[in-house]
Amino acid sequence: MMNINLITVGKLKESYFREACGEYSKRLNAFCRLTVTELAESRLPDSPSEKEISAALSAEGKAMKKLLDGKDCFNIAMCIEGKQLSSERLAEKIGEISVSGKSTLNFIIGSSFGIDEEIKKMCGFKLSMSEMTFPHMLARVMLLEQIYRSFQILNGGKYHK
């Protein structure tokens, strides 16, 4: 069974986001071992400078880095410059990774300022959900839903239809 790690910056504050993530987490138990790791978000002033943002991303990146090392891991950065995939193509990608000898798939969602460049370099793939901007908490729900949908597609389930 594949390990799926969702590594995020920040905690889910709203109960409705926690409930939605909980529902998809429960559904995913049939297909994988899901772990969600919430890392602390760096505190920044209301109008941070580029230097402050860079330092915050670097600090968040250091916390992420130790979770991403491992020869059996495949890392996917969720970022705006990533490639957009259909649900079917994401399922194919997950299927390809699972048969490539990688037993752990890490999905990384950064803070509202993004993901440190060093972390992106550790990733074998960059994925974008859309050109539109979404709140990070909603992005987490959407990603979990798409991972669940991917497993349904891979297993010929009815959910996707």
C-alpha atoms as a PDB file:
ATOM      1  CA  MET A   1       0.000   0.000   0.000  1.00  0.00           C
ATOM      2  CA  MET A   2       1.359   3.404  -0.975  1.00  0.00           C
ATOM      3  CA  ASN A   3       2.164   6.075   1.605  1.00  0.00           C
ATOM      4  CA  ILE A   4       0.766   9.505   0.800  1.00  0.00           C
ATOM      5  CA  ASN A   5       2.076  12.418   2.855  1.00  0.00           C
ATOM      6  CA  LEU A   6       0.421  15.793   2.671  1.00  0.00           C
ATOM      7  CA  ILE A   7       2.942  18.303   3.987  1.00  0.00           C
ATOM      8  CA  THR A   8       1.399  21.712   4.557  1.00  0.00           C
ATOM      9  CA  VAL A   9       2.321  25.046   6.033  1.00  0.00           C
ATOM     10  CA  GLY A  10      -0.339  26.251   8.441  1.00  0.00           C
ATOM     11  CA  LYS A  11      -3.217  24.654  10.276  1.00  0.00           C
ATOM     12  CA  LEU A  12      -6.831  24.284   9.236  1.00  0.00           C
ATOM     13  CA  LYS A  13      -8.726  26.842  11.290  1.00  0.00           C
ATOM     14  CA  GLU A  14     -12.279  26.462  10.025  1.00  0.00           C
ATOM     15  CA  SER A  15     -14.214  23.397  11.142  1.00  0.00           C
ATOM     16  CA  TYR A  16     -15.819  22.906   7.712  1.00  0.00           C
ATOM     17  CA  PHE A  17     -12.376  22.533   6.096  1.00  0.00           C
ATOM     18  CA  ARG A  18     -11.303  20.108   8.834  1.00  0.00           C
ATOM     19  CA  GLU A  19     -14.488  18.066   8.315  1.00  0.00           C
ATOM     20  CA  ALA A  20     -14.017  17.928   4.529  1.00  0.00           C
ATOM     21  CA  CYS A  21     -10.373  16.872   4.902  1.00  0.00           C
ATOM     22  CA  GLY A  22     -11.415  14.308   7.490  1.00  0.00           C
ATOM     23  CA  GLU A  23     -13.964  12.815   5.110  1.00  0.00           C
ATOM     24  CA  TYR A  24     -11.445  12.417   2.271  1.00  0.00           C
ATOM     25  CA  SER A  25      -8.821  11.120   4.689  1.00  0.00           C
ATOM     26  CA  LYS A  26     -11.264   8.456   5.834  1.00  0.00           C
ATOM     27  CA  ARG A  27     -12.094   7.495   2.236  1.00  0.00           C
ATOM     28  CA  LEU A  28      -8.416   7.302   1.312  1.00  0.00           C
ATOM     29  CA  ASN A  29      -7.730   4.699   4.023  1.00  0.00           C
ATOM     30  CA  ALA A  30      -8.981   2.042   1.590  1.00  0.00           C
ATOM     31  CA  PHE A  31      -6.232   2.909  -0.908  1.00  0.00           C
ATOM     32  CA  CYS A  32      -3.210   4.282   0.925  1.00  0.00           C
ATOM     33  CA  ARG A  33      -1.695   5.270   4.239  1.00  0.00           C
ATOM     34  CA  LEU A  34      -2.307   9.004   4.479  1.00  0.00           C
ATOM     35  CA  THR A  35      -0.382  11.280   6.801  1.00  0.00           C
ATOM     36  CA  VAL A  36      -1.022  15.009   7.074  1.00  0.00           C
ATOM     37  CA  THR A  37       1.796  17.073   8.570  1.00  0.00           C
ATOM     38  CA  GLU A  38       1.048  20.689   9.431  1.00  0.00           C
ATOM     39  CA  LEU A  39       4.164  22.838   9.764  1.00  0.00           C
ATOM     40  CA  ALA A  40       4.226  26.187  11.532  1.00  0.00           C
ATOM     41  CA  GLU A  41       3.768  29.200   9.285  1.00  0.00           C
ATOM     42  CA  SER A  42       6.371  31.931   9.670  1.00  0.00           C
ATOM     43  CA  ARG A  43       5.029  35.132  11.188  1.00  0.00           C
ATOM     44  CA  LEU A  44       5.337  38.094   8.856  1.00  0.00           C
ATOM     45  CA  PRO A  45       4.268  41.730   9.090  1.00  0.00           C
ATOM     46  CA  ASP A  46       1.237  42.943   7.120  1.00  0.00           C
ATOM     47  CA  SER A  47       3.408  44.237   4.265  1.00  0.00           C
ATOM     48  CA  PRO A  48       6.526  42.070   4.317  1.00  0.00           C
ATOM     49  CA  SER A  49       9.592  42.914   2.257  1.00  0.00           C
ATOM     50  CA  GLU A  50      11.008  40.465  -0.291  1.00  0.00           C
ATOM     51  CA  LYS A  51      13.847  39.763   2.152  1.00  0.00           C
ATOM     52  CA  GLU A  52      11.378  38.930   4.954  1.00  0.00           C
ATOM     53  CA  ILE A  53       9.383  36.667   2.628  1.00  0.00           C
ATOM     54  CA  SER A  54      12.546  34.904   1.464  1.00  0.00           C
ATOM     55  CA  ALA A  55      13.670  34.338   5.059  1.00  0.00           C
ATOM     56  CA  ALA A  56      10.232  32.972   5.989  1.00  0.00           C
ATOM     57  CA  LEU A  57      10.184  30.581   3.022  1.00  0.00           C
ATOM     58  CA  SER A  58      13.695  29.434   3.880  1.00  0.00           C
ATOM     59  CA  ALA A  59      12.706  28.722   7.489  1.00  0.00           C
ATOM     60  CA  GLU A  60       9.604  26.814   6.369  1.00  0.00           C
ATOM     61  CA  GLY A  61      11.755  24.949   3.841  1.00  0.00           C
ATOM     62  CA  LYS A  62      14.166  23.783   6.542  1.00  0.00           C
ATOM     63  CA  ALA A  63      11.269  22.227   8.438  1.00  0.00           C
ATOM     64  CA  MET A  64      10.040  20.535   5.229  1.00  0.00           C
ATOM     65  CA  LYS A  65      13.403  19.249   4.079  1.00  0.00           C
ATOM     66  CA  LYS A  66      13.749  16.541   6.711  1.00  0.00           C
ATOM     67  CA  LEU A  67      10.344  15.152   5.667  1.00  0.00           C
ATOM     68  CA  LEU A  68      11.283  14.887   1.993  1.00  0.00           C
ATOM     69  CA  ASP A  69      14.548  12.973   2.047  1.00  0.00           C
ATOM     70  CA  GLY A  70      14.500   9.332   1.169  1.00  0.00           C
ATOM     71  CA  LYS A  71      15.218   7.243  -1.877  1.00  0.00           C
ATOM     72  CA  ASP A  72      11.740   5.722  -1.753  1.00  0.00           C
ATOM     73  CA  CYS A  73      10.039   9.166  -1.827  1.00  0.00           C
ATOM     74  CA  PHE A  74       8.633  11.082  -4.773  1.00  0.00           C
ATOM     75  CA  ASN A  75       7.963  14.756  -4.028  1.00  0.00           C
ATOM     76  CA  ILE A  76       5.326  16.919  -5.721  1.00  0.00           C
ATOM     77  CA  ALA A  77       5.283  20.670  -5.099  1.00  0.00           C
ATOM     78  CA  MET A  78       1.907  22.350  -5.377  1.00  0.00           C
ATOM     79  CA  CYS A  79       2.772  25.665  -7.011  1.00  0.00           C
ATOM     80  CA  ILE A  80       1.360  28.137  -9.502  1.00  0.00           C
ATOM     81  CA  GLU A  81       4.149  27.509 -12.026  1.00  0.00           C
ATOM     82  CA  GLY A  82       3.467  23.781 -11.972  1.00  0.00           C
ATOM     83  CA  LYS A  83       1.788  21.768 -14.683  1.00  0.00           C
ATOM     84  CA  GLN A  84      -1.981  21.497 -14.746  1.00  0.00           C
ATOM     85  CA  LEU A  85      -3.309  17.951 -15.142  1.00  0.00           C
ATOM     86  CA  SER A  86      -6.747  16.467 -15.664  1.00  0.00           C
ATOM     87  CA  SER A  87      -8.018  14.095 -12.986  1.00  0.00           C
ATOM     88  CA  GLU A  88      -7.292  11.169 -15.302  1.00  0.00           C
ATOM     89  CA  ARG A  89      -3.719  12.325 -15.926  1.00  0.00           C
ATOM     90  CA  LEU A  90      -3.114  12.848 -12.182  1.00  0.00           C
ATOM     91  CA  ALA A  91      -4.318   9.280 -11.631  1.00  0.00           C
ATOM     92  CA  GLU A  92      -1.885   8.083 -14.301  1.00  0.00           C
ATOM     93  CA  LYS A  93       0.934  10.035 -12.635  1.00  0.00           C
ATOM     94  CA  ILE A  94       0.177   8.477  -9.235  1.00  0.00           C
ATOM     95  CA  GLY A  95       0.003   5.052 -10.881  1.00  0.00           C
ATOM     96  CA  GLU A  96       3.359   5.598 -12.625  1.00  0.00           C
ATOM     97  CA  ILE A  97       4.978   6.657  -9.357  1.00  0.00           C
ATOM     98  CA  SER A  98       3.569   3.653  -7.480  1.00  0.00           C
ATOM     99  CA  VAL A  99       5.114   1.182  -9.946  1.00  0.00           C
ATOM    100  CA  SER A 100       8.444   3.050 -10.207  1.00  0.00           C
ATOM    101  CA  GLY A 101       9.746   1.701  -6.907  1.00  0.00           C
ATOM    102  CA  LYS A 102       8.693   4.730  -4.876  1.00  0.00           C
ATOM    103  CA  SER A 103       6.560   3.752  -1.900  1.00  0.00           C
ATOM    104  CA  THR A 104       5.978   7.269  -0.568  1.00  0.00           C
ATOM    105  CA  LEU A 105       4.415  10.200  -2.380  1.00  0.00           C
ATOM    106  CA  ASN A 106       4.796  13.612  -0.741  1.00  0.00           C
ATOM    107  CA  PHE A 107       2.487  16.454  -1.782  1.00  0.00           C
ATOM    108  CA  ILE A 108       3.735  19.838  -0.546  1.00  0.00           C
ATOM    109  CA  ILE A 109       1.492  22.863  -0.012  1.00  0.00           C
ATOM    110  CA  GLY A 110       3.421  25.947   1.061  1.00  0.00           C
ATOM    111  CA  SER A 111       2.287  29.128   2.732  1.00  0.00           C
ATOM    112  CA  SER A 112       0.449  31.951   0.990  1.00  0.00           C
ATOM    113  CA  PHE A 113       3.872  33.127  -0.223  1.00  0.00           C
ATOM    114  CA  GLY A 114       4.661  29.771  -1.797  1.00  0.00           C
ATOM    115  CA  ILE A 115       7.383  27.169  -1.338  1.00  0.00           C
ATOM    116  CA  ASP A 116      11.109  27.726  -0.897  1.00  0.00           C
ATOM    117  CA  GLU A 117      13.076  27.258  -4.140  1.00  0.00           C
ATOM    118  CA  GLU A 118      15.351  24.662  -2.496  1.00  0.00           C
ATOM    119  CA  ILE A 119      12.319  22.527  -1.729  1.00  0.00           C
ATOM    120  CA  LYS A 120      11.030  22.866  -5.294  1.00  0.00           C
ATOM    121  CA  LYS A 121      14.406  21.578  -6.514  1.00  0.00           C
ATOM    122  CA  MET A 122      13.873  18.435  -4.399  1.00  0.00           C
ATOM    123  CA  CYS A 123      10.609  17.734  -6.209  1.00  0.00           C
ATOM    124  CA  GLY A 124      10.268  15.414  -9.179  1.00  0.00           C
ATOM    125  CA  PHE A 125       7.122  17.215 -10.290  1.00  0.00           C
ATOM    126  CA  LYS A 126       5.420  20.574  -9.855  1.00  0.00           C
ATOM    127  CA  LEU A 127       1.618  20.546  -9.952  1.00  0.00           C
ATOM    128  CA  SER A 128      -0.760  23.481 -10.316  1.00  0.00           C
ATOM    129  CA  MET A 129      -4.470  23.155  -9.625  1.00  0.00           C
ATOM    130  CA  SER A 130      -5.427  26.158 -11.716  1.00  0.00           C
ATOM    131  CA  GLU A 131      -4.363  29.583 -12.856  1.00  0.00           C
ATOM    132  CA  MET A 132      -6.942  30.863 -10.376  1.00  0.00           C
ATOM    133  CA  THR A 133      -5.967  31.644  -6.792  1.00  0.00           C
ATOM    134  CA  PHE A 134      -7.500  29.604  -3.974  1.00  0.00           C
ATOM    135  CA  PRO A 135      -7.175  29.886  -0.203  1.00  0.00           C
ATOM    136  CA  HIS A 136      -4.565  27.397   0.998  1.00  0.00           C
ATOM    137  CA  MET A 137      -7.095  25.694   3.241  1.00  0.00           C
ATOM    138  CA  LEU A 138      -9.441  25.089   0.306  1.00  0.00           C
ATOM    139  CA  ALA A 139      -6.499  23.890  -1.801  1.00  0.00           C
ATOM    140  CA  ARG A 140      -5.872  21.187   0.798  1.00  0.00           C
ATOM    141  CA  VAL A 141      -9.457  19.939   0.520  1.00  0.00           C
ATOM    142  CA  MET A 142      -9.283  20.050  -3.276  1.00  0.00           C
ATOM    143  CA  LEU A 143      -5.997  18.138  -3.351  1.00  0.00           C
ATOM    144  CA  LEU A 144      -7.288  15.406  -1.029  1.00  0.00           C
ATOM    145  CA  GLU A 145     -10.402  15.089  -3.188  1.00  0.00           C
ATOM    146  CA  GLN A 146      -8.278  14.754  -6.328  1.00  0.00           C
ATOM    147  CA  ILE A 147      -6.026  12.144  -4.715  1.00  0.00           C
ATOM    148  CA  TYR A 148      -9.137  10.190  -3.721  1.00  0.00           C
ATOM    149  CA  ARG A 149     -10.544  10.598  -7.245  1.00  0.00           C
ATOM    150  CA  SER A 150      -7.217   9.364  -8.655  1.00  0.00           C
ATOM    151  CA  PHE A 151      -7.371   6.173  -6.619  1.00  0.00           C
ATOM    152  CA  GLN A 152     -10.968   5.667  -7.696  1.00  0.00           C
ATOM    153  CA  ILE A 153      -9.921   6.026 -11.348  1.00  0.00           C
ATOM    154  CA  LEU A 154      -6.977   3.646 -10.886  1.00  0.00           C
ATOM    155  CA  ASN A 155      -9.243   1.057  -9.265  1.00  0.00           C
ATOM    156  CA  GLY A 156     -12.182   1.403 -11.682  1.00  0.00           C
ATOM    157  CA  GLY A 157     -14.432   2.929  -9.037  1.00  0.00           C
ATOM    158  CA  LYS A 158     -17.768   4.612  -9.716  1.00  0.00           C
ATOM    159  CA  TYR A 159     -16.939   7.853  -7.888  1.00  0.00           C
ATOM    160  CA  HIS A 160     -15.260   9.377 -10.909  1.00  0.00           C
ATOM    161  CA  LYS A 161     -18.163   8.860 -13.293  1.00  0.00           C
END
